[in-house]
PDB file of N, CA and C in Angstrom:
ATOM      1  N   MET A   1      13.910  -0.098  -5.139  1.00  0.00           N
ATOM      2  CA  MET A   1      12.530  -0.421  -4.841  1.00  0.00           C
ATOM      3  C   MET A   1      12.378  -1.914  -4.969  1.00  0.00           C
ATOM      4  N   LYS A   2      11.544  -2.552  -4.153  1.00  0.00           N
ATOM      5  CA  LYS A   2      11.331  -3.983  -4.270  1.00  0.00           C
ATOM      6  C   LYS A   2      10.566  -4.366  -5.513  1.00  0.00           C
ATOM      7  N   ALA A   3      10.904  -5.516  -6.105  1.00  0.00           N
ATOM      8  CA  ALA A   3      10.193  -6.037  -7.199  1.00  0.00           C
ATOM      9  C   ALA A   3       8.786  -6.484  -6.778  1.00  0.00           C
ATOM     10  N   LEU A   4       7.815  -6.373  -7.638  1.00  0.00           N
ATOM     11  CA  LEU A   4       6.489  -6.792  -7.289  1.00  0.00           C
ATOM     12  C   LEU A   4       6.435  -8.365  -7.332  1.00  0.00           C
ATOM     13  N   SER A   5       5.822  -8.894  -6.399  1.00  0.00           N
ATOM     14  CA  SER A   5       5.765 -10.381  -6.226  1.00  0.00           C
ATOM     15  C   SER A   5       4.800 -10.934  -7.226  1.00  0.00           C
ATOM     16  N   THR A   6       5.198 -12.129  -7.779  1.00  0.00           N
ATOM     17  CA  THR A   6       4.205 -12.855  -8.562  1.00  0.00           C
ATOM     18  C   THR A   6       3.780 -14.136  -7.837  1.00  0.00           C
ATOM     19  N   GLN A   7       4.095 -14.201  -6.541  1.00  0.00           N
ATOM     20  CA  GLN A   7       3.713 -15.304  -5.742  1.00  0.00           C
ATOM     21  C   GLN A   7       2.374 -14.947  -4.994  1.00  0.00           C
ATOM     22  N   PRO A   8       1.563 -15.955  -4.701  1.00  0.00           N
ATOM     23  CA  PRO A   8       0.384 -15.666  -3.904  1.00  0.00           C
ATOM     24  C   PRO A   8       0.734 -15.091  -2.529  1.00  0.00           C
ATOM     25  N   ARG A   9      -0.067 -14.230  -2.019  1.00  0.00           N
ATOM     26  CA  ARG A   9       0.090 -13.685  -0.701  1.00  0.00           C
ATOM     27  C   ARG A   9      -0.542 -14.706   0.290  1.00  0.00           C
ATOM     28  N   LYS A  10      -0.177 -14.558   1.525  1.00  0.00           N
ATOM     29  CA  LYS A  10      -0.702 -15.456   2.567  1.00  0.00           C
ATOM     30  C   LYS A  10      -2.221 -15.343   2.489  1.00  0.00           C
ATOM     31  N   GLY A  11      -2.867 -16.531   2.440  1.00  0.00           N
ATOM     32  CA  GLY A  11      -4.310 -16.541   2.458  1.00  0.00           C
ATOM     33  C   GLY A  11      -4.963 -16.438   1.076  1.00  0.00           C
ATOM     34  N   GLU A  12      -4.142 -16.182   0.000  1.00  0.00           N
ATOM     35  CA  GLU A  12      -4.669 -16.074  -1.336  1.00  0.00           C
ATOM     36  C   GLU A  12      -4.564 -17.482  -1.977  1.00  0.00           C
ATOM     37  N   SER A  13      -5.506 -17.782  -2.829  1.00  0.00           N
ATOM     38  CA  SER A  13      -5.447 -18.997  -3.595  1.00  0.00           C
ATOM     39  C   SER A  13      -6.010 -18.706  -4.978  1.00  0.00           C
ATOM     40  N   GLY A  14      -5.768 -19.612  -5.917  1.00  0.00           N
ATOM     41  CA  GLY A  14      -6.237 -19.365  -7.274  1.00  0.00           C
ATOM     42  C   GLY A  14      -5.355 -18.409  -8.038  1.00  0.00           C
ATOM     43  N   ARG A  15      -6.032 -17.809  -9.004  1.00  0.00           N
ATOM     44  CA  ARG A  15      -5.258 -16.832  -9.873  1.00  0.00           C
ATOM     45  C   ARG A  15      -4.753 -15.693  -9.042  1.00  0.00           C
ATOM     46  N   ILE A  16      -3.532 -15.300  -9.342  1.00  0.00           N
ATOM     47  CA  ILE A  16      -2.857 -14.199  -8.620  1.00  0.00           C
ATOM     48  C   ILE A  16      -3.452 -12.882  -9.187  1.00  0.00           C
ATOM     49  N   PRO A  17      -3.961 -12.006  -8.357  1.00  0.00           N
ATOM     50  CA  PRO A  17      -4.509 -10.761  -8.875  1.00  0.00           C
ATOM     51  C   PRO A  17      -3.439  -9.815  -9.375  1.00  0.00           C
ATOM     52  N   PRO A  18      -3.766  -8.893 -10.261  1.00  0.00           N
ATOM     53  CA  PRO A  18      -2.713  -8.013 -10.715  1.00  0.00           C
ATOM     54  C   PRO A  18      -2.106  -7.197  -9.602  1.00  0.00           C
ATOM     55  N   ARG A  19      -0.818  -6.997  -9.659  1.00  0.00           N
ATOM     56  CA  ARG A  19      -0.143  -6.175  -8.673  1.00  0.00           C
ATOM     57  C   ARG A  19       0.239  -4.894  -9.375  1.00  0.00           C
ATOM     58  N   SER A  20       0.242  -3.839  -8.668  1.00  0.00           N
ATOM     59  CA  SER A  20       0.598  -2.564  -9.245  1.00  0.00           C
ATOM     60  C   SER A  20       1.655  -1.917  -8.335  1.00  0.00           C
ATOM     61  N   GLU A  21       2.427  -1.029  -8.922  1.00  0.00           N
ATOM     62  CA  GLU A  21       3.399  -0.270  -8.140  1.00  0.00           C
ATOM     63  C   GLU A  21       2.633   0.624  -7.203  1.00  0.00           C
ATOM     64  N   ARG A  22       3.047   0.621  -5.960  1.00  0.00           N
ATOM     65  CA  ARG A  22       2.400   1.415  -4.970  1.00  0.00           C
ATOM     66  C   ARG A  22       2.746   2.884  -4.928  1.00  0.00           C
ATOM     67  N   CYS A  23       4.011   3.232  -5.338  1.00  0.00           N
ATOM     68  CA  CYS A  23       4.493   4.578  -5.220  1.00  0.00           C
ATOM     69  C   CYS A  23       4.265   5.326  -6.500  1.00  0.00           C
ATOM     70  N   PHE A  24       3.934   6.610  -6.357  1.00  0.00           N
ATOM     71  CA  PHE A  24       3.738   7.468  -7.523  1.00  0.00           C
ATOM     72  C   PHE A  24       4.055   8.876  -7.146  1.00  0.00           C
ATOM     73  N   LYS A  25       4.368   9.640  -8.154  1.00  0.00           N
ATOM     74  CA  LYS A  25       4.731  11.041  -7.915  1.00  0.00           C
ATOM     75  C   LYS A  25       3.551  11.948  -8.389  1.00  0.00           C
ATOM     76  N   SER A  26       3.244  12.937  -7.642  1.00  0.00           N
ATOM     77  CA  SER A  26       2.216  13.935  -8.018  1.00  0.00           C
ATOM     78  C   SER A  26       2.808  15.273  -7.686  1.00  0.00           C
ATOM     79  N   GLY A  27       3.008  16.096  -8.714  1.00  0.00           N
ATOM     80  CA  GLY A  27       3.634  17.348  -8.505  1.00  0.00           C
ATOM     81  C   GLY A  27       5.070  17.155  -8.016  1.00  0.00           C
ATOM     82  N   ASP A  28       5.433  17.763  -6.937  1.00  0.00           N
ATOM     83  CA  ASP A  28       6.843  17.613  -6.436  1.00  0.00           C
ATOM     84  C   ASP A  28       6.943  16.550  -5.344  1.00  0.00           C
ATOM     85  N   TYR A  29       5.925  15.831  -5.026  1.00  0.00           N
ATOM     86  CA  TYR A  29       5.917  14.886  -3.921  1.00  0.00           C
ATOM     87  C   TYR A  29       5.545  13.501  -4.381  1.00  0.00           C
ATOM     88  N   TRP A  30       5.968  12.582  -3.476  1.00  0.00           N
ATOM     89  CA  TRP A  30       5.746  11.132  -3.695  1.00  0.00           C
ATOM     90  C   TRP A  30       4.652  10.643  -2.673  1.00  0.00           C
ATOM     91  N   TYR A  31       3.870   9.675  -3.120  1.00  0.00           N
ATOM     92  CA  TYR A  31       2.811   9.061  -2.389  1.00  0.00           C
ATOM     93  C   TYR A  31       2.809   7.556  -2.602  1.00  0.00           C
ATOM     94  N   TYR A  32       2.055   6.811  -1.760  1.00  0.00           N
ATOM     95  CA  TYR A  32       1.819   5.426  -2.084  1.00  0.00           C
ATOM     96  C   TYR A  32       0.347   5.163  -1.842  1.00  0.00           C
ATOM     97  N   SER A  33      -0.130   4.127  -2.560  1.00  0.00           N
ATOM     98  CA  SER A  33      -1.530   3.733  -2.466  1.00  0.00           C
ATOM     99  C   SER A  33      -1.656   2.425  -1.731  1.00  0.00           C
ATOM    100  N   THR A  34      -2.671   2.352  -0.872  1.00  0.00           N
ATOM    101  CA  THR A  34      -2.949   1.081  -0.174  1.00  0.00           C
ATOM    102  C   THR A  34      -3.834   0.207  -1.025  1.00  0.00           C
ATOM    103  N   ARG A  35      -4.037  -1.025  -0.590  1.00  0.00           N
ATOM    104  CA  ARG A  35      -4.946  -1.964  -1.272  1.00  0.00           C
ATOM    105  C   ARG A  35      -6.396  -1.352  -1.307  1.00  0.00           C
ATOM    106  N   GLU A  36      -6.688  -0.529  -0.308  1.00  0.00           N
ATOM    107  CA  GLU A  36      -7.978   0.060  -0.174  1.00  0.00           C
ATOM    108  C   GLU A  36      -8.098   1.325  -1.014  1.00  0.00           C
ATOM    109  N   GLN A  37      -7.061   1.554  -1.851  1.00  0.00           N
ATOM    110  CA  GLN A  37      -7.053   2.722  -2.783  1.00  0.00           C
ATOM    111  C   GLN A  37      -7.047   4.065  -2.053  1.00  0.00           C
ATOM    112  N   ILE A  38      -6.348   4.070  -0.942  1.00  0.00           N
ATOM    113  CA  ILE A  38      -6.150   5.324  -0.207  1.00  0.00           C
ATOM    114  C   ILE A  38      -4.698   5.811  -0.456  1.00  0.00           C
ATOM    115  N   ASP A  39      -4.519   7.031  -0.891  1.00  0.00           N
ATOM    116  CA  ASP A  39      -3.194   7.579  -1.150  1.00  0.00           C
ATOM    117  C   ASP A  39      -2.617   8.192   0.145  1.00  0.00           C
ATOM    118  N   ILE A  40      -1.441   7.802   0.455  1.00  0.00           N
ATOM    119  CA  ILE A  40      -0.739   8.232   1.721  1.00  0.00           C
ATOM    120  C   ILE A  40       0.526   9.000   1.305  1.00  0.00           C
ATOM    121  N   GLY A  41       0.694  10.144   1.904  1.00  0.00           N
ATOM    122  CA  GLY A  41       1.798  11.022   1.640  1.00  0.00           C
ATOM    123  C   GLY A  41       1.447  12.433   2.076  1.00  0.00           C
ATOM    124  N   PRO A  42       2.186  13.447   1.705  1.00  0.00           N
ATOM    125  CA  PRO A  42       3.311  13.366   0.775  1.00  0.00           C
ATOM    126  C   PRO A  42       4.675  13.061   1.392  1.00  0.00           C
ATOM    127  N   PHE A  43       5.541  12.568   0.542  1.00  0.00           N
ATOM    128  CA  PHE A  43       6.931  12.300   0.928  1.00  0.00           C
ATOM    129  C   PHE A  43       7.850  13.128   0.039  1.00  0.00           C
ATOM    130  N   ASP A  44       8.996  13.504   0.520  1.00  0.00           N
ATOM    131  CA  ASP A  44       9.881  14.388  -0.292  1.00  0.00           C
ATOM    132  C   ASP A  44      10.560  13.585  -1.373  1.00  0.00           C
ATOM    133  N   ASP A  45      10.781  12.271  -1.249  1.00  0.00           N
ATOM    134  CA  ASP A  45      11.373  11.528  -2.256  1.00  0.00           C
ATOM    135  C   ASP A  45      10.915  10.063  -2.306  1.00  0.00           C
ATOM    136  N   ILE A  46      11.223   9.364  -3.306  1.00  0.00           N
ATOM    137  CA  ILE A  46      10.713   7.982  -3.454  1.00  0.00           C
ATOM    138  C   ILE A  46      11.190   7.027  -2.327  1.00  0.00           C
ATOM    139  N   ASP A  47      12.422   7.298  -1.860  1.00  0.00           N
ATOM    140  CA  ASP A  47      12.953   6.448  -0.799  1.00  0.00           C
ATOM    141  C   ASP A  47      12.122   6.594   0.465  1.00  0.00           C
ATOM    142  N   GLN A  48      11.701   7.797   0.775  1.00  0.00           N
ATOM    143  CA  GLN A  48      10.858   7.935   1.978  1.00  0.00           C
ATOM    144  C   GLN A  48       9.477   7.266   1.722  1.00  0.00           C
ATOM    145  N   ALA A  49       8.938   7.374   0.503  1.00  0.00           N
ATOM    146  CA  ALA A  49       7.677   6.761   0.194  1.00  0.00           C
ATOM    147  C   ALA A  49       7.794   5.197   0.343  1.00  0.00           C
ATOM    148  N   VAL A  50       8.830   4.626  -0.157  1.00  0.00           N
ATOM    149  CA  VAL A  50       9.057   3.164  -0.056  1.00  0.00           C
ATOM    150  C   VAL A  50       9.169   2.770   1.405  1.00  0.00           C
ATOM    151  N   ALA A  51       9.926   3.539   2.216  1.00  0.00           N
ATOM    152  CA  ALA A  51       9.976   3.269   3.616  1.00  0.00           C
ATOM    153  C   ALA A  51       8.647   3.328   4.275  1.00  0.00           C
ATOM    154  N   GLY A  52       7.843   4.334   3.834  1.00  0.00           N
ATOM    155  CA  GLY A  52       6.460   4.378   4.292  1.00  0.00           C
ATOM    156  C   GLY A  52       5.621   3.184   3.988  1.00  0.00           C
ATOM    157  N   VAL A  53       5.748   2.666   2.806  1.00  0.00           N
ATOM    158  CA  VAL A  53       5.084   1.432   2.391  1.00  0.00           C
ATOM    159  C   VAL A  53       5.517   0.304   3.241  1.00  0.00           C
ATOM    160  N   ASP A  54       6.804   0.113   3.446  1.00  0.00           N
ATOM    161  CA  ASP A  54       7.278  -0.947   4.357  1.00  0.00           C
ATOM    162  C   ASP A  54       6.744  -0.875   5.707  1.00  0.00           C
ATOM    163  N   ALA A  55       6.777   0.324   6.338  1.00  0.00           N
ATOM    164  CA  ALA A  55       6.220   0.529   7.682  1.00  0.00           C
ATOM    165  C   ALA A  55       4.767   0.228   7.721  1.00  0.00           C
ATOM    166  N   PHE A  56       4.031   0.691   6.686  1.00  0.00           N
ATOM    167  CA  PHE A  56       2.583   0.480   6.622  1.00  0.00           C
ATOM    168  C   PHE A  56       2.255  -1.000   6.558  1.00  0.00           C
ATOM    169  N   VAL A  57       2.956  -1.739   5.732  1.00  0.00           N
ATOM    170  CA  VAL A  57       2.657  -3.149   5.534  1.00  0.00           C
ATOM    171  C   VAL A  57       2.976  -3.945   6.803  1.00  0.00           C
ATOM    172  N   GLU A  58       4.076  -3.536   7.441  1.00  0.00           N
ATOM    173  CA  GLU A  58       4.442  -4.179   8.721  1.00  0.00           C
ATOM    174  C   GLU A  58       3.365  -3.936   9.755  1.00  0.00           C
ATOM    175  N   PHE A  59       2.890  -2.685   9.833  1.00  0.00           N
ATOM    176  CA  PHE A  59       1.797  -2.331  10.776  1.00  0.00           C
ATOM    177  C   PHE A  59       0.580  -3.131  10.508  1.00  0.00           C
ATOM    178  N   VAL A  60       0.152  -3.169   9.238  1.00  0.00           N
ATOM    179  CA  VAL A  60      -1.111  -3.942   8.940  1.00  0.00           C
ATOM    180  C   VAL A  60      -0.941  -5.376   9.212  1.00  0.00           C
ATOM    181  N   CYS A  61       0.193  -5.964   9.018  1.00  0.00           N
ATOM    182  CA  CYS A  61       0.418  -7.393   9.310  1.00  0.00           C
ATOM    183  C   CYS A  61       0.280  -7.589  10.809  1.00  0.00           C
ATOM    184  N   GLU A  62       0.653  -6.643  11.648  1.00  0.00           N
ATOM    185  CA  GLU A  62       0.578  -6.757  13.106  1.00  0.00           C
ATOM    186  C   GLU A  62      -0.794  -6.482  13.571  1.00  0.00           C
ATOM    187  N   LYS A  63      -1.591  -5.638  12.821  1.00  0.00           N
ATOM    188  CA  LYS A  63      -2.983  -5.262  13.219  1.00  0.00           C
ATOM    189  C   LYS A  63      -3.895  -5.477  12.032  1.00  0.00           C
ATOM    190  N   PRO A  64      -4.226  -6.730  11.696  1.00  0.00           N
ATOM    191  CA  PRO A  64      -4.951  -7.069  10.508  1.00  0.00           C
ATOM    192  C   PRO A  64      -6.335  -6.333  10.454  1.00  0.00           C
ATOM    193  N   THR A  65      -6.931  -6.015  11.587  1.00  0.00           N
ATOM    194  CA  THR A  65      -8.257  -5.366  11.543  1.00  0.00           C
ATOM    195  C   THR A  65      -8.214  -3.930  11.086  1.00  0.00           C
ATOM    196  N   PHE A  66      -6.991  -3.377  11.049  1.00  0.00           N
ATOM    197  CA  PHE A  66      -6.806  -1.995  10.614  1.00  0.00           C
ATOM    198  C   PHE A  66      -7.264  -1.837   9.148  1.00  0.00           C
ATOM    199  N   SER A  67      -7.198  -2.878   8.300  1.00  0.00           N
ATOM    200  CA  SER A  67      -7.695  -2.818   6.958  1.00  0.00           C
ATOM    201  C   SER A  67      -9.138  -2.463   6.914  1.00  0.00           C
ATOM    202  N   ASP A  68      -9.930  -3.054   7.914  1.00  0.00           N
ATOM    203  CA  ASP A  68     -11.356  -2.724   7.955  1.00  0.00           C
ATOM    204  C   ASP A  68     -11.565  -1.230   8.242  1.00  0.00           C
ATOM    205  N   THR A  69     -10.728  -0.659   9.075  1.00  0.00           N
ATOM    206  CA  THR A  69     -10.813   0.783   9.373  1.00  0.00           C
ATOM    207  C   THR A  69     -10.584   1.598   8.128  1.00  0.00           C
ATOM    208  N   LEU A  70      -9.597   1.228   7.337  1.00  0.00           N
ATOM    209  CA  LEU A  70      -9.332   1.905   6.098  1.00  0.00           C
ATOM    210  C   LEU A  70     -10.465   1.841   5.144  1.00  0.00           C
ATOM    211  N   LYS A  71     -11.096   0.671   5.050  1.00  0.00           N
ATOM    212  CA  LYS A  71     -12.276   0.486   4.155  1.00  0.00           C
ATOM    213  C   LYS A  71     -13.420   1.423   4.581  1.00  0.00           C
ATOM    214  N   ARG A  72     -13.625   1.511   5.899  1.00  0.00           N
ATOM    215  CA  ARG A  72     -14.689   2.414   6.409  1.00  0.00           C
ATOM    216  C   ARG A  72     -14.312   3.875   6.070  1.00  0.00           C
ATOM    217  N   TYR A  73     -13.092   4.184   6.275  1.00  0.00           N
ATOM    218  CA  TYR A  73     -12.633   5.570   5.971  1.00  0.00           C
ATOM    219  C   TYR A  73     -12.875   5.899   4.467  1.00  0.00           C
ATOM    220  N   LYS A  74     -12.506   4.927   3.649  1.00  0.00           N
ATOM    221  CA  LYS A  74     -12.621   5.147   2.161  1.00  0.00           C
ATOM    222  C   LYS A  74     -14.124   5.350   1.791  1.00  0.00           C
ATOM    223  N   SER A  75     -14.944   4.529   2.348  1.00  0.00           N
ATOM    224  CA  SER A  75     -16.408   4.610   2.063  1.00  0.00           C
ATOM    225  C   SER A  75     -17.029   5.956   2.555  1.00  0.00           C
ATOM    226  N   ALA A  76     -16.467   6.462   3.572  1.00  0.00           N
ATOM    227  CA  ALA A  76     -16.994   7.715   4.151  1.00  0.00           C
ATOM    228  C   ALA A  76     -16.451   8.991   3.434  1.00  0.00           C
ATOM    229  N   ALA A  77     -15.408   8.793   2.689  1.00  0.00           N
ATOM    230  CA  ALA A  77     -14.781  10.019   2.054  1.00  0.00           C
ATOM    231  C   ALA A  77     -15.577  10.457   0.836  1.00  0.00           C
TER     232      ALA A  77
END
């Protein structure tokens, strides 16, 4: 699994906010959490969850407005 970065992200300035591990296990399955605090899964193992995180981050970087969609989804839940 990738180490958590202690460097500012693109567009961030000032104090670096706390970073947390995205992947977690619940019952027999693995999940990951987005910045918007939405849990995505289940995955059969941690490697699949990490691959899911990588694909999700790549997608959000290509479609930055998708983050707004997740925020709306979270507020409606």
